[in-house]
């Protein structure tokens, strides 16, 4: 589907059209999921603006493309077309493992906020978790694939490890939960 006209006014009464031509309310859970995926994509774009590592920007932009593919699958209910491939899940797992192998073991919960970049990544991580919960809710009532949940679960893990990897690489002290406070 290609968008040739941005303003159509067809949504002015609270309705929108899915990729298969079905009209649904803008409050429909599928539309909520699509909106949250879009928000996650924009948040990852915000992470990219603070990143000076070209390889990492490439990984993050691949994830942004994954999210557009994910939205493409989601926008056509009951479609068997796979746009978000299992290979992409494997790529995220491999990147996660590579970064995590260089990190010290976690001793306690991390307090987000040690520097600008890791804070951006933590925001993307919690947005990802919110999308994951909404997709689970969608799959409780509609057709879809568990691959969506797996991808989001792995992506949030990747983002958590990325924040830790960044602070470790740049010798930023990780603030940890102090149970006594």
N, C-alpha and C. Protein backbone atom coordinates (compact mmCIF):
# COMPACT_ATOMS: atom_id res chain seq x y z
N UNK A 1 0.84 -1.17 0.00
CA UNK A 1 0.00 0.00 0.00
C UNK A 1 0.89 1.24 0.00
N UNK A 2 0.63 2.14 -0.88
CA UNK A 2 1.36 3.40 -0.96
C UNK A 2 0.39 4.53 -0.69
N UNK A 3 0.85 5.50 0.07
CA UNK A 3 0.01 6.64 0.41
C UNK A 3 0.35 7.77 -0.56
N UNK A 4 -0.64 8.16 -1.36
CA UNK A 4 -0.39 9.24 -2.31
C UNK A 4 -0.97 10.56 -1.81
N UNK A 5 -1.86 10.47 -0.83
CA UNK A 5 -2.51 11.67 -0.31
C UNK A 5 -2.57 11.54 1.21
N UNK A 6 -2.02 12.51 1.92
CA UNK A 6 -1.98 12.42 3.38
C UNK A 6 -3.32 12.80 3.99
N UNK A 7 -3.90 13.91 3.56
CA UNK A 7 -5.18 14.36 4.12
C UNK A 7 -6.31 13.87 3.24
N UNK A 8 -7.08 12.91 3.78
CA UNK A 8 -8.22 12.37 3.03
C UNK A 8 -9.55 12.76 3.66
N UNK A 9 -9.52 13.17 4.91
CA UNK A 9 -10.69 13.54 5.70
C UNK A 9 -11.60 12.34 6.00
N UNK A 10 -11.18 11.13 5.59
CA UNK A 10 -12.02 9.96 5.87
C UNK A 10 -11.99 9.60 7.34
N UNK A 11 -10.99 10.07 8.08
CA UNK A 11 -10.90 9.76 9.50
C UNK A 11 -11.53 10.80 10.40
N UNK A 12 -12.15 11.80 9.82
CA UNK A 12 -12.70 12.90 10.61
C UNK A 12 -13.84 12.49 11.53
N UNK A 13 -14.41 11.33 11.32
CA UNK A 13 -15.52 10.87 12.17
C UNK A 13 -15.12 9.69 13.03
N UNK A 14 -13.80 9.53 13.24
CA UNK A 14 -13.33 8.50 14.16
C UNK A 14 -13.19 7.12 13.55
N UNK A 15 -13.19 7.03 12.24
CA UNK A 15 -13.02 5.75 11.56
C UNK A 15 -11.72 5.79 10.77
N UNK A 16 -11.17 4.61 10.51
CA UNK A 16 -9.99 4.51 9.66
C UNK A 16 -10.06 3.20 8.89
N UNK A 17 -9.22 3.06 7.90
CA UNK A 17 -9.26 1.88 7.04
C UNK A 17 -7.98 1.07 7.20
N UNK A 18 -8.15 -0.23 7.40
CA UNK A 18 -7.02 -1.14 7.48
C UNK A 18 -6.50 -1.45 6.08
N UNK A 19 -5.37 -2.10 6.00
CA UNK A 19 -4.74 -2.42 4.73
C UNK A 19 -5.57 -3.31 3.82
N UNK A 20 -6.52 -4.04 4.39
CA UNK A 20 -7.38 -4.90 3.57
C UNK A 20 -8.67 -4.21 3.15
N UNK A 21 -8.80 -2.91 3.48
CA UNK A 21 -9.99 -2.15 3.11
C UNK A 21 -11.09 -2.12 4.16
N UNK A 22 -10.92 -2.89 5.24
CA UNK A 22 -11.90 -2.91 6.32
C UNK A 22 -11.89 -1.58 7.06
N UNK A 23 -13.08 -1.04 7.33
CA UNK A 23 -13.19 0.20 8.11
C UNK A 23 -13.43 -0.17 9.57
N UNK A 24 -12.64 0.44 10.46
CA UNK A 24 -12.78 0.20 11.89
C UNK A 24 -12.70 1.53 12.64
N UNK A 25 -13.15 1.50 13.89
CA UNK A 25 -13.04 2.67 14.75
C UNK A 25 -11.57 2.93 15.07
N UNK A 26 -11.23 4.19 15.23
CA UNK A 26 -9.86 4.52 15.62
C UNK A 26 -9.54 4.06 17.03
N UNK A 27 -10.57 3.65 17.78
CA UNK A 27 -10.35 3.11 19.12
C UNK A 27 -10.16 1.59 19.10
N UNK A 28 -10.24 0.97 17.94
CA UNK A 28 -10.06 -0.48 17.80
C UNK A 28 -8.67 -0.87 18.29
N UNK A 29 -8.57 -2.01 18.95
CA UNK A 29 -7.29 -2.44 19.52
C UNK A 29 -6.20 -2.58 18.46
N UNK A 30 -6.56 -2.99 17.26
CA UNK A 30 -5.56 -3.13 16.20
C UNK A 30 -4.97 -1.76 15.84
N UNK A 31 -5.82 -0.73 15.85
CA UNK A 31 -5.35 0.63 15.56
C UNK A 31 -4.48 1.12 16.72
N UNK A 32 -4.87 0.79 17.94
CA UNK A 32 -4.04 1.15 19.10
C UNK A 32 -2.66 0.50 18.99
N UNK A 33 -2.62 -0.76 18.59
CA UNK A 33 -1.33 -1.46 18.41
C UNK A 33 -0.50 -0.79 17.33
N UNK A 34 -1.13 -0.45 16.21
CA UNK A 34 -0.40 0.22 15.13
C UNK A 34 0.16 1.56 15.59
N UNK A 35 -0.63 2.30 16.35
CA UNK A 35 -0.17 3.58 16.87
C UNK A 35 1.00 3.43 17.83
N UNK A 36 0.94 2.39 18.66
CA UNK A 36 2.04 2.17 19.61
C UNK A 36 3.31 1.70 18.89
N UNK A 37 3.15 0.92 17.84
CA UNK A 37 4.32 0.52 17.05
C UNK A 37 4.95 1.76 16.40
N UNK A 38 4.11 2.65 15.91
CA UNK A 38 4.59 3.90 15.32
C UNK A 38 5.33 4.73 16.36
N UNK A 39 4.78 4.80 17.57
CA UNK A 39 5.45 5.53 18.66
C UNK A 39 6.80 4.90 18.99
N UNK A 40 6.85 3.57 19.03
CA UNK A 40 8.12 2.89 19.29
C UNK A 40 9.13 3.21 18.20
N UNK A 41 8.67 3.20 16.95
CA UNK A 41 9.55 3.51 15.83
C UNK A 41 10.12 4.92 15.96
N UNK A 42 9.26 5.88 16.30
CA UNK A 42 9.72 7.27 16.48
C UNK A 42 10.69 7.38 17.66
N UNK A 43 10.43 6.62 18.71
CA UNK A 43 11.31 6.65 19.88
C UNK A 43 12.69 6.08 19.53
N UNK A 44 12.71 5.03 18.74
CA UNK A 44 14.00 4.48 18.30
C UNK A 44 14.70 5.48 17.38
N UNK A 45 13.94 6.21 16.58
CA UNK A 45 14.53 7.28 15.78
C UNK A 45 15.18 8.33 16.67
N UNK A 46 14.54 8.64 17.80
CA UNK A 46 15.10 9.59 18.76
C UNK A 46 16.39 9.03 19.35
N UNK A 47 16.42 7.73 19.62
CA UNK A 47 17.66 7.09 20.09
C UNK A 47 18.76 7.29 19.05
N UNK A 48 18.43 7.10 17.78
CA UNK A 48 19.43 7.24 16.70
C UNK A 48 20.04 8.64 16.67
N UNK A 49 19.25 9.66 17.01
CA UNK A 49 19.78 11.03 16.94
C UNK A 49 20.88 11.26 17.97
N UNK A 50 20.94 10.42 19.00
CA UNK A 50 21.98 10.56 20.01
C UNK A 50 23.11 9.57 19.85
N UNK A 51 23.09 8.81 18.75
CA UNK A 51 24.08 7.75 18.55
C UNK A 51 25.14 8.19 17.55
N UNK A 52 26.40 8.00 17.91
CA UNK A 52 27.52 8.36 17.03
C UNK A 52 28.20 7.13 16.43
N UNK A 53 27.69 5.96 16.73
CA UNK A 53 28.25 4.70 16.25
C UNK A 53 27.47 4.28 14.99
N UNK A 54 28.13 4.36 13.82
CA UNK A 54 27.44 4.09 12.55
C UNK A 54 26.89 2.66 12.48
N UNK A 55 27.64 1.70 13.00
CA UNK A 55 27.17 0.31 12.99
C UNK A 55 25.89 0.19 13.80
N UNK A 56 25.87 0.80 14.96
CA UNK A 56 24.69 0.75 15.82
C UNK A 56 23.51 1.48 15.19
N UNK A 57 23.76 2.62 14.56
CA UNK A 57 22.69 3.33 13.86
C UNK A 57 22.09 2.41 12.79
N UNK A 58 22.94 1.67 12.08
CA UNK A 58 22.45 0.73 11.08
C UNK A 58 21.56 -0.35 11.69
N UNK A 59 21.96 -0.87 12.84
CA UNK A 59 21.15 -1.88 13.54
C UNK A 59 19.81 -1.28 13.95
N UNK A 60 19.85 -0.08 14.51
CA UNK A 60 18.61 0.58 14.95
C UNK A 60 17.70 0.90 13.77
N UNK A 61 18.26 1.32 12.65
CA UNK A 61 17.44 1.60 11.48
C UNK A 61 16.85 0.32 10.89
N UNK A 62 17.57 -0.79 11.00
CA UNK A 62 17.00 -2.08 10.59
C UNK A 62 15.81 -2.43 11.47
N UNK A 63 15.92 -2.13 12.75
CA UNK A 63 14.80 -2.35 13.68
C UNK A 63 13.62 -1.46 13.30
N UNK A 64 13.90 -0.22 12.92
CA UNK A 64 12.82 0.67 12.48
C UNK A 64 12.11 0.09 11.25
N UNK A 65 12.88 -0.47 10.32
CA UNK A 65 12.27 -1.13 9.16
C UNK A 65 11.45 -2.34 9.59
N UNK A 66 11.98 -3.10 10.56
CA UNK A 66 11.21 -4.23 11.10
C UNK A 66 9.86 -3.77 11.62
N UNK A 67 9.86 -2.66 12.34
CA UNK A 67 8.62 -2.17 12.93
C UNK A 67 7.63 -1.75 11.85
N UNK A 68 8.12 -1.19 10.75
CA UNK A 68 7.22 -0.87 9.63
C UNK A 68 6.67 -2.15 9.01
N UNK A 69 7.52 -3.18 8.89
CA UNK A 69 7.04 -4.47 8.39
C UNK A 69 6.02 -5.08 9.33
N UNK A 70 6.28 -4.97 10.61
CA UNK A 70 5.37 -5.46 11.65
C UNK A 70 4.01 -4.77 11.48
N UNK A 71 4.04 -3.44 11.36
CA UNK A 71 2.81 -2.69 11.15
C UNK A 71 2.10 -3.11 9.88
N UNK A 72 2.88 -3.41 8.83
CA UNK A 72 2.29 -3.89 7.59
C UNK A 72 1.54 -5.19 7.78
N UNK A 73 2.13 -6.12 8.51
CA UNK A 73 1.44 -7.39 8.81
C UNK A 73 0.18 -7.14 9.63
N UNK A 74 0.33 -6.30 10.63
CA UNK A 74 -0.77 -6.03 11.55
C UNK A 74 -1.93 -5.32 10.88
N UNK A 75 -1.65 -4.53 9.85
CA UNK A 75 -2.70 -3.73 9.22
C UNK A 75 -3.59 -4.55 8.29
N UNK A 76 -3.22 -5.81 8.06
CA UNK A 76 -4.04 -6.67 7.20
C UNK A 76 -4.44 -7.92 7.99
N UNK A 77 -5.58 -7.85 8.70
CA UNK A 77 -6.02 -9.01 9.50
C UNK A 77 -6.17 -10.26 8.62
N UNK A 78 -5.84 -11.38 9.20
CA UNK A 78 -6.00 -12.69 8.56
C UNK A 78 -5.12 -12.89 7.33
N UNK A 79 -4.12 -12.04 7.14
CA UNK A 79 -3.20 -12.22 6.02
C UNK A 79 -2.14 -13.23 6.42
N UNK A 80 -1.72 -14.01 5.47
CA UNK A 80 -0.64 -14.98 5.72
C UNK A 80 0.71 -14.45 5.27
N UNK A 81 0.73 -13.22 4.76
CA UNK A 81 1.99 -12.64 4.29
C UNK A 81 2.88 -12.30 5.47
N UNK A 82 4.13 -12.75 5.41
CA UNK A 82 5.09 -12.49 6.49
C UNK A 82 6.05 -11.41 6.02
N UNK A 83 5.99 -10.28 6.68
CA UNK A 83 6.90 -9.17 6.38
C UNK A 83 8.01 -9.09 7.43
N UNK A 84 7.69 -9.48 8.65
CA UNK A 84 8.66 -9.49 9.75
C UNK A 84 9.17 -10.92 9.89
N UNK A 85 10.33 -11.18 9.31
CA UNK A 85 10.82 -12.56 9.21
C UNK A 85 11.48 -13.05 10.49
N UNK A 86 11.53 -14.37 10.62
CA UNK A 86 12.22 -14.99 11.74
C UNK A 86 13.71 -14.64 11.74
N UNK A 87 14.26 -14.40 10.57
CA UNK A 87 15.68 -14.02 10.48
C UNK A 87 15.96 -12.73 11.25
N UNK A 88 15.01 -11.83 11.26
CA UNK A 88 15.20 -10.56 11.98
C UNK A 88 15.24 -10.81 13.48
N UNK A 89 14.44 -11.74 13.95
CA UNK A 89 14.46 -12.11 15.37
C UNK A 89 15.84 -12.68 15.72
N UNK A 90 16.36 -13.51 14.86
CA UNK A 90 17.69 -14.10 15.07
C UNK A 90 18.77 -13.02 15.07
N UNK A 91 18.66 -12.05 14.17
CA UNK A 91 19.64 -10.95 14.14
C UNK A 91 19.65 -10.18 15.45
N UNK A 92 18.47 -9.89 15.96
CA UNK A 92 18.39 -9.16 17.24
C UNK A 92 19.01 -10.00 18.35
N UNK A 93 18.69 -11.29 18.38
CA UNK A 93 19.26 -12.17 19.40
C UNK A 93 20.79 -12.19 19.31
N UNK A 94 21.32 -12.26 18.10
CA UNK A 94 22.78 -12.29 17.93
C UNK A 94 23.42 -10.99 18.39
N UNK A 95 22.82 -9.86 18.04
CA UNK A 95 23.36 -8.56 18.49
C UNK A 95 23.29 -8.45 20.01
N UNK A 96 22.20 -8.92 20.57
CA UNK A 96 22.03 -8.89 22.03
C UNK A 96 23.11 -9.73 22.71
N UNK A 97 23.31 -10.94 22.22
CA UNK A 97 24.32 -11.83 22.82
C UNK A 97 25.72 -11.24 22.71
N UNK A 98 26.03 -10.65 21.56
CA UNK A 98 27.36 -10.07 21.37
C UNK A 98 27.61 -8.94 22.37
N UNK A 99 26.65 -8.05 22.52
CA UNK A 99 26.83 -6.94 23.47
C UNK A 99 26.87 -7.44 24.91
N UNK A 100 25.99 -8.38 25.23
CA UNK A 100 25.88 -8.86 26.61
C UNK A 100 27.12 -9.63 27.04
N UNK A 101 27.81 -10.25 26.09
CA UNK A 101 29.00 -11.03 26.44
C UNK A 101 30.13 -10.16 26.99
N UNK A 102 30.08 -8.88 26.74
CA UNK A 102 31.12 -7.96 27.21
C UNK A 102 30.74 -7.21 28.48
N UNK A 103 29.60 -7.55 29.06
CA UNK A 103 29.11 -6.80 30.23
C UNK A 103 29.34 -7.57 31.53
N UNK A 104 29.58 -6.83 32.61
CA UNK A 104 29.65 -7.49 33.91
C UNK A 104 28.25 -8.00 34.29
N UNK A 105 28.18 -9.03 35.13
CA UNK A 105 26.87 -9.55 35.54
C UNK A 105 26.05 -8.47 36.26
N UNK A 106 24.75 -8.56 36.09
CA UNK A 106 23.85 -7.64 36.78
C UNK A 106 23.77 -8.06 38.24
N UNK A 107 23.93 -7.10 39.13
CA UNK A 107 23.86 -7.37 40.56
C UNK A 107 22.51 -6.92 41.11
N UNK A 108 22.00 -5.85 40.58
CA UNK A 108 20.77 -5.24 41.09
C UNK A 108 20.04 -4.58 39.93
N UNK A 109 18.79 -4.15 40.18
CA UNK A 109 18.05 -3.40 39.17
C UNK A 109 18.81 -2.12 38.83
N UNK A 110 18.70 -1.71 37.57
CA UNK A 110 19.36 -0.49 37.09
C UNK A 110 18.39 0.68 37.24
N UNK A 111 18.91 1.82 37.66
CA UNK A 111 18.13 3.06 37.67
C UNK A 111 18.42 3.81 36.37
N UNK A 112 17.46 3.90 35.45
CA UNK A 112 17.71 4.63 34.21
C UNK A 112 18.02 6.09 34.50
N UNK A 113 18.90 6.68 33.70
CA UNK A 113 19.17 8.10 33.83
C UNK A 113 20.63 8.45 34.00
N UNK A 114 21.53 7.52 33.71
CA UNK A 114 22.96 7.79 33.92
C UNK A 114 23.56 8.73 32.89
N UNK A 115 23.04 8.71 31.68
CA UNK A 115 23.45 9.68 30.67
C UNK A 115 22.34 9.78 29.63
N UNK A 116 22.49 10.75 28.73
CA UNK A 116 21.44 11.05 27.77
C UNK A 116 21.11 9.85 26.88
N UNK A 117 22.14 9.24 26.29
CA UNK A 117 21.89 8.15 25.34
C UNK A 117 21.23 6.95 26.01
N UNK A 118 21.78 6.51 27.13
CA UNK A 118 21.19 5.33 27.79
C UNK A 118 19.77 5.63 28.27
N UNK A 119 19.51 6.88 28.66
CA UNK A 119 18.14 7.25 29.06
C UNK A 119 17.18 7.14 27.89
N UNK A 120 17.62 7.59 26.71
CA UNK A 120 16.79 7.46 25.51
C UNK A 120 16.48 5.98 25.23
N UNK A 121 17.51 5.16 25.37
CA UNK A 121 17.34 3.73 25.10
C UNK A 121 16.36 3.12 26.10
N UNK A 122 16.46 3.50 27.37
CA UNK A 122 15.52 2.98 28.37
C UNK A 122 14.09 3.42 28.08
N UNK A 123 13.92 4.64 27.58
CA UNK A 123 12.57 5.08 27.20
C UNK A 123 12.05 4.20 26.06
N UNK A 124 12.88 3.94 25.07
CA UNK A 124 12.48 3.05 23.97
C UNK A 124 12.13 1.66 24.50
N UNK A 125 12.90 1.19 25.48
CA UNK A 125 12.64 -0.14 26.06
C UNK A 125 11.27 -0.21 26.72
N UNK A 126 10.91 0.81 27.50
CA UNK A 126 9.61 0.74 28.18
C UNK A 126 8.46 0.95 27.20
N UNK A 127 8.68 1.73 26.15
CA UNK A 127 7.66 1.85 25.10
C UNK A 127 7.48 0.49 24.43
N UNK A 128 8.58 -0.20 24.18
CA UNK A 128 8.52 -1.53 23.57
C UNK A 128 7.73 -2.50 24.45
N UNK A 129 7.96 -2.47 25.75
CA UNK A 129 7.22 -3.34 26.67
C UNK A 129 5.72 -3.03 26.63
N UNK A 130 5.38 -1.74 26.51
CA UNK A 130 3.96 -1.36 26.43
C UNK A 130 3.34 -1.92 25.15
N UNK A 131 4.07 -1.81 24.04
CA UNK A 131 3.58 -2.37 22.77
C UNK A 131 3.39 -3.88 22.92
N UNK A 132 4.34 -4.53 23.55
CA UNK A 132 4.25 -5.98 23.74
C UNK A 132 2.98 -6.35 24.51
N UNK A 133 2.68 -5.63 25.58
CA UNK A 133 1.47 -5.92 26.36
C UNK A 133 0.21 -5.72 25.52
N UNK A 134 0.20 -4.69 24.68
CA UNK A 134 -0.97 -4.41 23.84
C UNK A 134 -1.12 -5.48 22.76
N UNK A 135 -0.01 -5.95 22.21
CA UNK A 135 -0.07 -7.02 21.21
C UNK A 135 -0.58 -8.31 21.85
N UNK A 136 -0.16 -8.61 23.06
CA UNK A 136 -0.68 -9.78 23.78
C UNK A 136 -2.19 -9.65 23.92
N UNK A 137 -2.65 -8.47 24.30
CA UNK A 137 -4.10 -8.23 24.44
C UNK A 137 -4.80 -8.45 23.09
N UNK A 138 -4.23 -7.96 22.01
CA UNK A 138 -4.82 -8.16 20.68
C UNK A 138 -4.92 -9.64 20.36
N UNK A 139 -3.85 -10.39 20.61
CA UNK A 139 -3.83 -11.80 20.25
C UNK A 139 -4.75 -12.65 21.12
N UNK A 140 -5.21 -12.10 22.24
CA UNK A 140 -6.19 -12.81 23.05
C UNK A 140 -7.57 -12.81 22.40
N UNK A 141 -7.80 -11.89 21.45
CA UNK A 141 -9.13 -11.79 20.84
C UNK A 141 -9.12 -11.87 19.32
N UNK A 142 -7.96 -11.76 18.69
CA UNK A 142 -7.90 -11.76 17.23
C UNK A 142 -6.75 -12.64 16.75
N UNK A 143 -6.77 -12.91 15.45
CA UNK A 143 -5.72 -13.72 14.84
C UNK A 143 -4.42 -12.92 14.73
N UNK A 144 -3.35 -13.63 14.80
CA UNK A 144 -2.02 -13.04 14.66
C UNK A 144 -1.00 -14.14 14.93
N UNK A 145 0.22 -13.75 15.12
CA UNK A 145 1.27 -14.73 15.32
C UNK A 145 2.07 -14.42 16.59
N UNK A 146 2.47 -15.47 17.28
CA UNK A 146 3.29 -15.30 18.48
C UNK A 146 4.66 -14.70 18.15
N UNK A 147 5.05 -14.78 16.88
CA UNK A 147 6.32 -14.19 16.44
C UNK A 147 6.35 -12.70 16.80
N UNK A 148 5.20 -12.03 16.74
CA UNK A 148 5.14 -10.61 17.10
C UNK A 148 5.56 -10.41 18.56
N UNK A 149 5.03 -11.25 19.44
CA UNK A 149 5.37 -11.14 20.87
C UNK A 149 6.85 -11.47 21.07
N UNK A 150 7.31 -12.52 20.41
CA UNK A 150 8.71 -12.92 20.54
C UNK A 150 9.64 -11.79 20.09
N UNK A 151 9.29 -11.16 18.97
CA UNK A 151 10.13 -10.07 18.46
C UNK A 151 10.18 -8.93 19.47
N UNK A 152 9.04 -8.51 19.98
CA UNK A 152 9.00 -7.38 20.92
C UNK A 152 9.71 -7.73 22.23
N UNK A 153 9.54 -8.96 22.68
CA UNK A 153 10.21 -9.39 23.91
C UNK A 153 11.73 -9.33 23.73
N UNK A 154 12.21 -9.84 22.60
CA UNK A 154 13.63 -9.82 22.33
C UNK A 154 14.14 -8.40 22.11
N UNK A 155 13.32 -7.57 21.45
CA UNK A 155 13.72 -6.19 21.21
C UNK A 155 13.88 -5.43 22.52
N UNK A 156 12.96 -5.63 23.46
CA UNK A 156 13.09 -4.93 24.74
C UNK A 156 14.33 -5.42 25.50
N UNK A 157 14.63 -6.72 25.40
CA UNK A 157 15.87 -7.22 26.00
C UNK A 157 17.09 -6.58 25.34
N UNK A 158 17.06 -6.50 24.01
CA UNK A 158 18.15 -5.87 23.26
C UNK A 158 18.34 -4.43 23.72
N UNK A 159 17.25 -3.69 23.88
CA UNK A 159 17.36 -2.29 24.28
C UNK A 159 17.93 -2.16 25.70
N UNK A 160 17.53 -3.06 26.59
CA UNK A 160 18.08 -3.04 27.94
C UNK A 160 19.59 -3.27 27.91
N UNK A 161 20.00 -4.28 27.15
CA UNK A 161 21.42 -4.60 27.05
C UNK A 161 22.17 -3.46 26.35
N UNK A 162 21.55 -2.85 25.35
CA UNK A 162 22.18 -1.73 24.66
C UNK A 162 22.47 -0.58 25.63
N UNK A 163 21.52 -0.26 26.49
CA UNK A 163 21.74 0.82 27.48
C UNK A 163 22.91 0.46 28.38
N UNK A 164 22.96 -0.78 28.85
CA UNK A 164 24.07 -1.21 29.70
C UNK A 164 25.39 -1.22 28.93
N UNK A 165 25.35 -1.71 27.70
CA UNK A 165 26.54 -1.76 26.86
C UNK A 165 27.12 -0.35 26.67
N UNK A 166 26.25 0.60 26.41
CA UNK A 166 26.69 1.99 26.21
C UNK A 166 27.36 2.54 27.47
N UNK A 167 26.72 2.36 28.62
CA UNK A 167 27.30 2.91 29.85
C UNK A 167 28.64 2.23 30.16
N UNK A 168 28.72 0.93 29.91
CA UNK A 168 29.97 0.21 30.15
C UNK A 168 31.07 0.68 29.19
N UNK A 169 30.73 0.78 27.91
CA UNK A 169 31.70 1.18 26.88
C UNK A 169 32.24 2.60 27.15
N UNK A 170 31.36 3.47 27.62
CA UNK A 170 31.76 4.87 27.84
C UNK A 170 32.13 5.15 29.30
N UNK A 171 32.29 4.07 30.05
CA UNK A 171 32.74 4.17 31.45
C UNK A 171 31.85 5.09 32.30
N UNK A 172 30.55 4.96 32.07
CA UNK A 172 29.56 5.69 32.87
C UNK A 172 29.11 4.74 33.98
N UNK A 173 29.17 5.19 35.21
CA UNK A 173 28.72 4.34 36.32
C UNK A 173 27.23 4.07 36.19
N UNK A 174 26.86 2.79 36.32
CA UNK A 174 25.44 2.42 36.31
C UNK A 174 24.86 2.62 37.70
N UNK A 175 23.86 3.46 37.78
CA UNK A 175 23.17 3.62 39.06
C UNK A 175 22.30 2.40 39.28
N UNK A 176 22.38 1.85 40.49
CA UNK A 176 21.60 0.66 40.81
C UNK A 176 20.65 0.94 41.96
N UNK A 177 19.62 0.13 42.00
CA UNK A 177 18.62 0.23 43.05
C UNK A 177 19.29 0.06 44.40
N UNK A 178 19.01 0.97 45.30
CA UNK A 178 19.50 0.89 46.68
C UNK A 178 18.29 0.54 47.54
N UNK A 179 18.22 -0.68 47.99
CA UNK A 179 17.06 -1.16 48.75
C UNK A 179 16.86 -0.41 50.06
N UNK A 180 17.91 0.23 50.54
CA UNK A 180 17.81 0.90 51.85
C UNK A 180 17.17 2.29 51.74
N UNK A 181 16.99 2.78 50.54
CA UNK A 181 16.44 4.14 50.39
C UNK A 181 14.95 4.12 50.18
